[in-house]
């Protein structure tokens, strides 16, 4: 039983202190790297999806003949 408690405490500590990294690839193939905390992870996902949506929209409009 005590082994299970130690394992769960270790997992809890690891999850609590985990950090995420958001990479943004620029047109010149360089990267922008940003550290994201666990609490900002959902906001970072929303920002990434909005940027991807805008890029797809811009590419679609550029590909259509005028």
N, C-alpha and C. Protein backbone atom coordinates (compact mmCIF):
# COMPACT_ATOMS: atom_id res chain seq x y z
N UNK A 1 0.81 -1.19 0.00
CA UNK A 1 0.00 0.00 0.00
C UNK A 1 0.87 1.27 0.00
N UNK A 2 1.93 1.26 0.78
CA UNK A 2 2.79 2.44 0.84
C UNK A 2 3.52 2.67 -0.47
N UNK A 3 3.81 1.60 -1.21
CA UNK A 3 4.45 1.75 -2.52
C UNK A 3 3.52 2.48 -3.47
N UNK A 4 2.26 2.15 -3.44
CA UNK A 4 1.27 2.82 -4.29
C UNK A 4 1.18 4.31 -3.96
N UNK A 5 1.21 4.64 -2.69
CA UNK A 5 1.15 6.04 -2.27
C UNK A 5 2.38 6.81 -2.76
N UNK A 6 3.55 6.21 -2.66
CA UNK A 6 4.78 6.86 -3.12
C UNK A 6 4.73 7.07 -4.63
N UNK A 7 4.25 6.08 -5.38
CA UNK A 7 4.15 6.20 -6.84
C UNK A 7 3.17 7.32 -7.20
N UNK A 8 2.01 7.36 -6.55
CA UNK A 8 1.03 8.40 -6.85
C UNK A 8 1.54 9.79 -6.49
N UNK A 9 2.25 9.91 -5.38
CA UNK A 9 2.83 11.21 -5.02
C UNK A 9 3.89 11.64 -6.05
N UNK A 10 4.69 10.69 -6.51
CA UNK A 10 5.70 11.00 -7.53
C UNK A 10 5.06 11.45 -8.83
N UNK A 11 4.00 10.76 -9.24
CA UNK A 11 3.29 11.15 -10.47
C UNK A 11 2.65 12.53 -10.30
N UNK A 12 2.07 12.77 -9.16
CA UNK A 12 1.45 14.08 -8.91
C UNK A 12 2.47 15.21 -8.95
N UNK A 13 3.63 14.97 -8.41
CA UNK A 13 4.68 15.99 -8.44
C UNK A 13 5.14 16.25 -9.87
N UNK A 14 5.28 15.18 -10.66
CA UNK A 14 5.73 15.33 -12.04
C UNK A 14 4.69 16.11 -12.86
N UNK A 15 3.43 15.78 -12.73
CA UNK A 15 2.38 16.45 -13.50
C UNK A 15 2.26 17.91 -13.08
N UNK A 16 2.38 18.17 -11.81
CA UNK A 16 2.25 19.54 -11.32
C UNK A 16 3.35 20.45 -11.85
N UNK A 17 4.55 19.92 -12.03
CA UNK A 17 5.68 20.74 -12.45
C UNK A 17 6.01 20.62 -13.94
N UNK A 18 5.16 19.96 -14.71
CA UNK A 18 5.46 19.82 -16.13
C UNK A 18 5.23 21.14 -16.86
N UNK A 19 6.03 21.37 -17.89
CA UNK A 19 5.91 22.57 -18.70
C UNK A 19 5.81 22.14 -20.16
N UNK A 20 5.19 22.97 -20.94
CA UNK A 20 5.00 22.69 -22.35
C UNK A 20 5.75 23.74 -23.16
N UNK A 21 6.14 23.36 -24.36
CA UNK A 21 6.85 24.27 -25.25
C UNK A 21 6.04 24.41 -26.53
N UNK A 22 5.77 25.64 -26.92
CA UNK A 22 5.06 25.93 -28.16
C UNK A 22 6.09 26.39 -29.17
N UNK A 23 6.15 25.70 -30.31
CA UNK A 23 7.07 26.06 -31.39
C UNK A 23 6.26 26.66 -32.53
N UNK A 24 6.72 27.77 -33.04
CA UNK A 24 6.11 28.41 -34.21
C UNK A 24 7.16 28.48 -35.28
N UNK A 25 6.86 27.87 -36.44
CA UNK A 25 7.81 27.88 -37.55
C UNK A 25 7.54 29.10 -38.42
N UNK A 26 8.57 29.90 -38.64
CA UNK A 26 8.43 31.10 -39.46
C UNK A 26 8.73 30.76 -40.92
N UNK A 27 8.45 31.71 -41.81
CA UNK A 27 8.64 31.48 -43.24
C UNK A 27 10.10 31.23 -43.60
N UNK A 28 11.04 31.82 -42.84
CA UNK A 28 12.46 31.61 -43.13
C UNK A 28 13.01 30.35 -42.46
N UNK A 29 12.09 29.44 -42.08
CA UNK A 29 12.41 28.15 -41.46
C UNK A 29 13.08 28.27 -40.10
N UNK A 30 12.97 29.43 -39.49
CA UNK A 30 13.45 29.62 -38.13
C UNK A 30 12.27 29.35 -37.18
N UNK A 31 12.56 29.04 -35.94
CA UNK A 31 11.51 28.73 -34.98
C UNK A 31 11.44 29.78 -33.88
N UNK A 32 10.24 30.03 -33.41
CA UNK A 32 10.01 30.80 -32.20
C UNK A 32 9.60 29.78 -31.15
N UNK A 33 10.27 29.79 -30.02
CA UNK A 33 10.00 28.82 -28.97
C UNK A 33 9.50 29.56 -27.73
N UNK A 34 8.37 29.10 -27.18
CA UNK A 34 7.80 29.73 -25.99
C UNK A 34 7.47 28.65 -24.97
N UNK A 35 7.88 28.89 -23.73
CA UNK A 35 7.55 27.99 -22.63
C UNK A 35 6.11 28.28 -22.18
N UNK A 36 5.32 27.24 -22.03
CA UNK A 36 3.93 27.37 -21.62
C UNK A 36 3.74 26.58 -20.33
N UNK A 37 3.14 27.21 -19.33
CA UNK A 37 2.87 26.49 -18.10
C UNK A 37 1.63 25.62 -18.27
N UNK A 38 1.44 24.72 -17.34
CA UNK A 38 0.29 23.82 -17.39
C UNK A 38 -1.02 24.60 -17.37
N UNK A 39 -1.05 25.71 -16.66
CA UNK A 39 -2.27 26.49 -16.53
C UNK A 39 -2.62 27.27 -17.80
N UNK A 40 -1.65 27.51 -18.65
CA UNK A 40 -1.88 28.26 -19.89
C UNK A 40 -1.96 27.35 -21.11
N UNK A 41 -1.95 26.05 -20.90
CA UNK A 41 -1.91 25.10 -22.01
C UNK A 41 -3.13 25.24 -22.91
N UNK A 42 -4.31 25.36 -22.35
CA UNK A 42 -5.53 25.48 -23.17
C UNK A 42 -5.53 26.78 -23.96
N UNK A 43 -5.06 27.86 -23.37
CA UNK A 43 -4.97 29.13 -24.10
C UNK A 43 -3.99 29.02 -25.26
N UNK A 44 -2.87 28.34 -25.04
CA UNK A 44 -1.88 28.15 -26.10
C UNK A 44 -2.46 27.32 -27.24
N UNK A 45 -3.26 26.32 -26.91
CA UNK A 45 -3.91 25.51 -27.96
C UNK A 45 -4.85 26.36 -28.79
N UNK A 46 -5.61 27.24 -28.12
CA UNK A 46 -6.55 28.12 -28.83
C UNK A 46 -5.81 29.09 -29.74
N UNK A 47 -4.71 29.65 -29.25
CA UNK A 47 -3.91 30.57 -30.06
C UNK A 47 -3.35 29.86 -31.27
N UNK A 48 -2.82 28.65 -31.08
CA UNK A 48 -2.25 27.89 -32.21
C UNK A 48 -3.32 27.56 -33.23
N UNK A 49 -4.52 27.18 -32.79
CA UNK A 49 -5.57 26.86 -33.76
C UNK A 49 -6.04 28.10 -34.50
N UNK A 50 -6.10 29.26 -33.83
CA UNK A 50 -6.48 30.50 -34.50
C UNK A 50 -5.45 30.89 -35.56
N UNK A 51 -4.17 30.76 -35.23
CA UNK A 51 -3.11 31.09 -36.19
C UNK A 51 -3.18 30.15 -37.38
N UNK A 52 -3.36 28.86 -37.13
CA UNK A 52 -3.46 27.89 -38.23
C UNK A 52 -4.66 28.18 -39.11
N UNK A 53 -5.79 28.55 -38.51
CA UNK A 53 -6.99 28.87 -39.28
C UNK A 53 -6.75 30.08 -40.17
N UNK A 54 -6.11 31.12 -39.62
CA UNK A 54 -5.81 32.32 -40.40
C UNK A 54 -4.87 32.01 -41.57
N UNK A 55 -3.86 31.19 -41.31
CA UNK A 55 -2.91 30.84 -42.37
C UNK A 55 -3.61 30.06 -43.48
N UNK A 56 -4.46 29.09 -43.10
CA UNK A 56 -5.21 28.34 -44.12
C UNK A 56 -6.11 29.27 -44.93
N UNK A 57 -6.75 30.21 -44.25
CA UNK A 57 -7.64 31.16 -44.94
C UNK A 57 -6.85 32.04 -45.91
N UNK A 58 -5.68 32.50 -45.48
CA UNK A 58 -4.85 33.33 -46.35
C UNK A 58 -4.36 32.54 -47.56
N UNK A 59 -3.94 31.29 -47.34
CA UNK A 59 -3.48 30.46 -48.46
C UNK A 59 -4.61 30.17 -49.43
N UNK A 60 -5.81 29.93 -48.90
CA UNK A 60 -6.97 29.64 -49.75
C UNK A 60 -7.33 30.84 -50.61
N UNK A 61 -7.32 32.04 -50.00
CA UNK A 61 -7.65 33.25 -50.75
C UNK A 61 -6.57 33.58 -51.78
N UNK A 62 -5.33 33.27 -51.47
CA UNK A 62 -4.24 33.55 -52.40
C UNK A 62 -4.29 32.59 -53.60
N UNK A 63 -4.74 31.37 -53.38
CA UNK A 63 -4.78 30.36 -54.44
C UNK A 63 -5.95 30.58 -55.40
N UNK A 64 -7.01 31.24 -54.94
CA UNK A 64 -8.18 31.47 -55.81
C UNK A 64 -7.88 32.56 -56.82
N UNK A 65 -8.22 32.31 -58.09
CA UNK A 65 -8.01 33.37 -59.11
C UNK A 65 -8.96 34.52 -58.89
N UNK A 66 -8.51 35.71 -59.22
CA UNK A 66 -9.34 36.93 -59.01
C UNK A 66 -10.32 37.12 -60.12
